[in-house]
Protein backbone atom coordinates (compact mmCIF):
# COMPACT_ATOMS: atom_id res chain seq x y z
CA MET A 1 -134.35 -31.68 110.21
CA LEU A 2 -133.64 -28.41 108.46
CA SER A 3 -136.07 -27.52 105.73
CA ILE A 4 -135.05 -25.16 102.97
CA ALA A 5 -137.81 -23.53 101.01
CA MET A 6 -137.08 -23.88 97.34
CA PRO A 7 -138.89 -21.58 94.95
CA THR A 8 -141.22 -23.41 92.64
CA PRO A 9 -140.87 -22.77 88.92
CA ALA A 10 -144.27 -21.06 88.90
CA SER A 11 -143.08 -18.56 91.52
CA ASP A 12 -140.02 -17.50 89.52
CA PRO A 13 -141.07 -14.57 87.30
CA GLU A 14 -138.07 -15.03 85.00
CA ILE A 15 -139.08 -18.60 84.22
CA GLU A 16 -142.71 -17.55 83.70
CA THR A 17 -141.75 -14.97 81.08
CA ALA A 18 -138.87 -16.82 79.40
CA PRO A 19 -139.93 -18.28 76.06
CA ASP A 20 -139.18 -21.95 75.52
CA ASP A 21 -136.61 -23.09 72.97
CA GLU A 22 -139.24 -23.94 70.39
CA ALA A 23 -140.69 -20.42 70.48
CA LEU A 24 -137.19 -18.93 70.28
CA VAL A 25 -136.29 -21.12 67.29
CA ARG A 26 -139.47 -20.20 65.45
CA ALA A 27 -138.83 -16.50 66.09
CA ALA A 28 -135.15 -16.73 65.12
CA VAL A 29 -136.01 -18.47 61.85
CA THR A 30 -138.16 -15.46 60.92
CA GLY A 31 -135.13 -13.21 61.46
CA ASP A 32 -135.67 -12.19 65.09
CA VAL A 33 -132.09 -11.49 66.19
CA GLN A 34 -133.11 -11.04 69.84
CA ALA A 35 -134.58 -14.55 69.87
CA TYR A 36 -131.32 -15.92 68.48
CA GLU A 37 -129.36 -13.96 71.10
CA ALA A 38 -131.58 -15.55 73.76
CA ILE A 39 -130.76 -18.99 72.34
CA TYR A 40 -127.08 -18.11 72.46
CA ARG A 41 -127.22 -16.83 76.06
CA ARG A 42 -129.18 -19.90 77.16
CA HIS A 43 -126.93 -22.54 75.57
CA ALA A 44 -123.48 -21.00 75.08
CA PRO A 45 -122.11 -21.57 78.63
CA ARG A 46 -122.70 -25.33 78.55
CA LEU A 47 -121.47 -25.68 74.97
CA TYR A 48 -118.35 -23.68 75.79
CA ALA A 49 -117.56 -26.01 78.70
CA VAL A 50 -117.76 -29.05 76.41
CA VAL A 51 -115.67 -27.61 73.58
CA TRP A 52 -113.14 -26.11 76.01
CA ARG A 53 -112.44 -29.59 77.33
CA ILE A 54 -112.36 -31.19 73.88
CA CYS A 55 -109.97 -28.45 72.72
CA GLY A 56 -107.61 -29.24 75.59
CA ARG A 57 -108.44 -26.15 77.68
CA HIS A 58 -107.36 -23.76 74.91
CA ALA A 59 -109.69 -20.82 75.51
CA ALA A 60 -109.09 -19.14 72.15
CA ARG A 61 -109.75 -22.37 70.26
CA ALA A 62 -112.86 -23.06 72.30
CA GLU A 63 -114.15 -19.54 71.64
CA ASP A 64 -113.54 -19.99 67.91
CA VAL A 65 -115.33 -23.34 67.95
CA LEU A 66 -118.25 -21.84 69.86
CA GLN A 67 -118.51 -18.97 67.38
CA ASP A 68 -118.35 -21.39 64.43
CA THR A 69 -121.00 -23.56 66.10
CA PHE A 70 -123.44 -20.69 66.43
CA LEU A 71 -122.75 -19.51 62.88
CA LYS A 72 -123.55 -23.01 61.62
CA ALA A 73 -126.60 -23.12 63.86
CA TRP A 74 -127.86 -19.80 62.46
CA ARG A 75 -127.58 -21.14 58.92
CA SER A 76 -129.08 -24.55 59.82
CA LEU A 77 -131.84 -23.39 62.15
CA PRO A 78 -134.52 -23.26 59.43
CA GLY A 79 -133.97 -27.00 58.95
CA PHE A 80 -134.26 -27.83 62.66
CA ARG A 81 -137.22 -30.22 62.96
CA PHE A 82 -137.61 -30.46 66.77
CA GLU A 83 -136.88 -34.20 66.65
CA SER A 84 -134.57 -33.64 69.60
CA ALA A 85 -134.14 -30.91 72.16
CA LEU A 86 -132.47 -27.76 70.86
CA GLY A 87 -129.72 -28.14 73.46
CA THR A 88 -128.98 -31.67 72.24
CA TRP A 89 -128.86 -30.52 68.61
CA LEU A 90 -126.55 -27.61 69.49
CA GLN A 91 -124.31 -29.88 71.54
CA ARG A 92 -123.90 -32.31 68.64
CA LEU A 93 -123.12 -29.38 66.36
CA ALA A 94 -120.56 -28.02 68.86
CA VAL A 95 -118.90 -31.41 69.35
CA ASN A 96 -118.66 -31.96 65.59
CA THR A 97 -117.21 -28.47 65.13
CA ALA A 98 -114.66 -29.07 67.91
CA LEU A 99 -113.64 -32.42 66.42
CA MET A 100 -113.23 -30.86 62.97
CA GLU A 101 -111.03 -28.19 64.55
CA LEU A 102 -108.90 -30.88 66.20
CA ARG A 103 -108.55 -32.75 62.90
CA ALA A 104 -107.56 -29.57 61.10
CA ARG A 105 -104.88 -28.79 63.68
CA SER A 106 -103.56 -32.33 64.06
CA GLY A 107 -100.86 -31.81 61.46
CA ARG A 108 -99.89 -28.32 62.62
CA ASP A 109 -99.87 -28.49 66.39
CA ASP A 110 -98.51 -30.89 68.94
CA LEU A 111 -101.99 -31.83 70.05
CA ASP A 112 -101.13 -35.47 70.56
CA ALA A 113 -99.32 -34.84 73.81
CA GLY A 114 -98.97 -38.55 74.53
CA ASP A 115 -96.27 -39.13 77.11
CA ASP A 116 -95.03 -35.56 76.67
CA GLY A 117 -98.21 -34.48 78.45
CA LEU A 118 -96.55 -35.37 81.73
CA GLU A 119 -93.95 -32.67 81.17
CA ALA A 120 -96.65 -30.20 80.14
CA LEU A 121 -98.53 -30.93 83.35
CA ALA A 122 -95.42 -30.66 85.50
CA ALA A 123 -94.24 -27.48 83.77
CA VAL A 124 -97.20 -25.36 84.87
CA GLU A 125 -95.38 -22.45 86.51
CA GLY A 126 -96.55 -20.57 89.56
CA GLU A 127 -99.30 -23.02 90.40
CA GLN A 128 -99.13 -25.49 93.23
CA ARG A 129 -100.30 -28.97 92.34
CA CYS A 130 -102.25 -31.06 94.78
CA THR A 131 -102.92 -34.60 93.57
CA GLY A 132 -106.59 -35.27 93.12
CA THR A 133 -107.93 -31.72 92.88
CA GLY A 134 -110.36 -30.72 90.17
CA LEU A 135 -107.84 -28.28 88.72
CA ASP A 136 -105.21 -31.02 88.45
CA LEU A 137 -107.77 -33.25 86.77
CA GLU A 138 -108.66 -30.54 84.24
CA ARG A 139 -104.96 -30.03 83.48
CA ALA A 140 -104.39 -33.75 83.11
CA VAL A 141 -107.39 -34.13 80.77
CA ALA A 142 -105.98 -31.31 78.63
CA THR A 143 -102.73 -33.25 78.15
CA LEU A 144 -104.46 -36.35 76.75
CA PRO A 145 -104.17 -37.22 73.07
CA PRO A 146 -107.09 -35.58 71.21
CA ARG A 147 -109.16 -38.69 70.39
CA ALA A 148 -108.74 -40.14 73.88
CA ARG A 149 -109.61 -36.74 75.38
CA ALA A 150 -112.71 -36.42 73.16
CA VAL A 151 -113.95 -39.90 74.12
CA LEU A 152 -113.31 -39.26 77.82
CA VAL A 153 -115.10 -35.89 77.78
CA LEU A 154 -118.06 -37.21 75.83
CA HIS A 155 -118.43 -40.42 77.86
CA ASP A 156 -117.45 -39.53 81.41
CA ILE A 157 -118.41 -35.86 81.52
CA GLU A 158 -121.23 -35.52 79.02
CA GLY A 159 -122.74 -38.97 79.54
CA TRP A 160 -122.74 -40.14 75.93
CA LYS A 161 -122.95 -43.87 75.17
CA HIS A 162 -120.17 -45.61 73.27
CA HIS A 163 -122.33 -46.13 70.17
CA GLU A 164 -123.04 -42.37 70.06
CA ILE A 165 -119.36 -41.52 70.44
CA ALA A 166 -118.38 -44.06 67.81
CA GLU A 167 -120.87 -42.57 65.37
CA GLU A 168 -119.72 -38.98 65.99
CA LEU A 169 -116.01 -39.80 65.84
CA GLY A 170 -116.26 -42.24 62.94
CA MET A 171 -114.83 -45.20 64.84
CA ALA A 172 -115.96 -48.62 65.98
CA VAL A 173 -117.64 -49.00 69.35
CA GLY A 174 -114.68 -51.12 70.46
CA SER A 175 -112.30 -48.31 69.53
CA SER A 176 -114.33 -45.89 71.63
CA LYS A 177 -114.06 -48.25 74.59
CA ALA A 178 -110.33 -48.69 74.01
CA GLN A 179 -109.76 -44.92 73.79
CA LEU A 180 -111.70 -44.44 77.05
CA HIS A 181 -109.61 -47.13 78.75
CA ARG A 182 -106.43 -45.48 77.42
CA ALA A 183 -107.56 -42.03 78.59
CA ARG A 184 -108.41 -43.26 82.07
CA GLY A 185 -105.07 -45.05 82.36
CA LEU A 186 -103.16 -41.96 81.28
CA LEU A 187 -105.11 -39.84 83.76
CA ARG A 188 -104.31 -42.21 86.62
CA GLU A 189 -100.65 -42.12 85.62
CA ARG A 190 -100.57 -38.33 85.31
CA LEU A 191 -102.33 -37.80 88.62
CA GLY A 192 -99.86 -40.12 90.34
CA GLU A 193 -102.38 -42.82 91.19
CA THR A 194 -101.55 -46.48 91.23
CA ALA A 195 -104.13 -48.80 89.72
């Protein structure tokens, strides 16, 4: 059996010297910009991935949402009470900001791709599609109607429970389950799978 030596956290000098989130928050609240930058660098990649998916793979929208999230966090950080992990608090803030962005755009953009999402997926030029690949799945998720996409991302990718999703999206738990079922069905259809 092959044994791979994994470094222990104590042997990693970067981990030893990296302040924890609580210390960074306390420093940032006193105006330490470097501490806030460290919070940003630590949490921004994961938050971006979540909002990028919720925003339907629109990089510019996701970047705007991420920027708005961290502006809101900067203003709200003095009120952070450490009742949850900082990453959890930031994720909720990012999800709420992304959902508000979707609501604001719902009247202006064709975000509710519905059945037209099939054409959007098929119209990707210069890229070969292979049913079942991760890239095809990401494209298909991006074509889902916004609420179904948000429920799918939060439940299947981020691991949220239906009662958490329902609370964040202002819907009944049953509606969250129905949106997830709808999203999964549309994904199967768009990826050419038969149920």
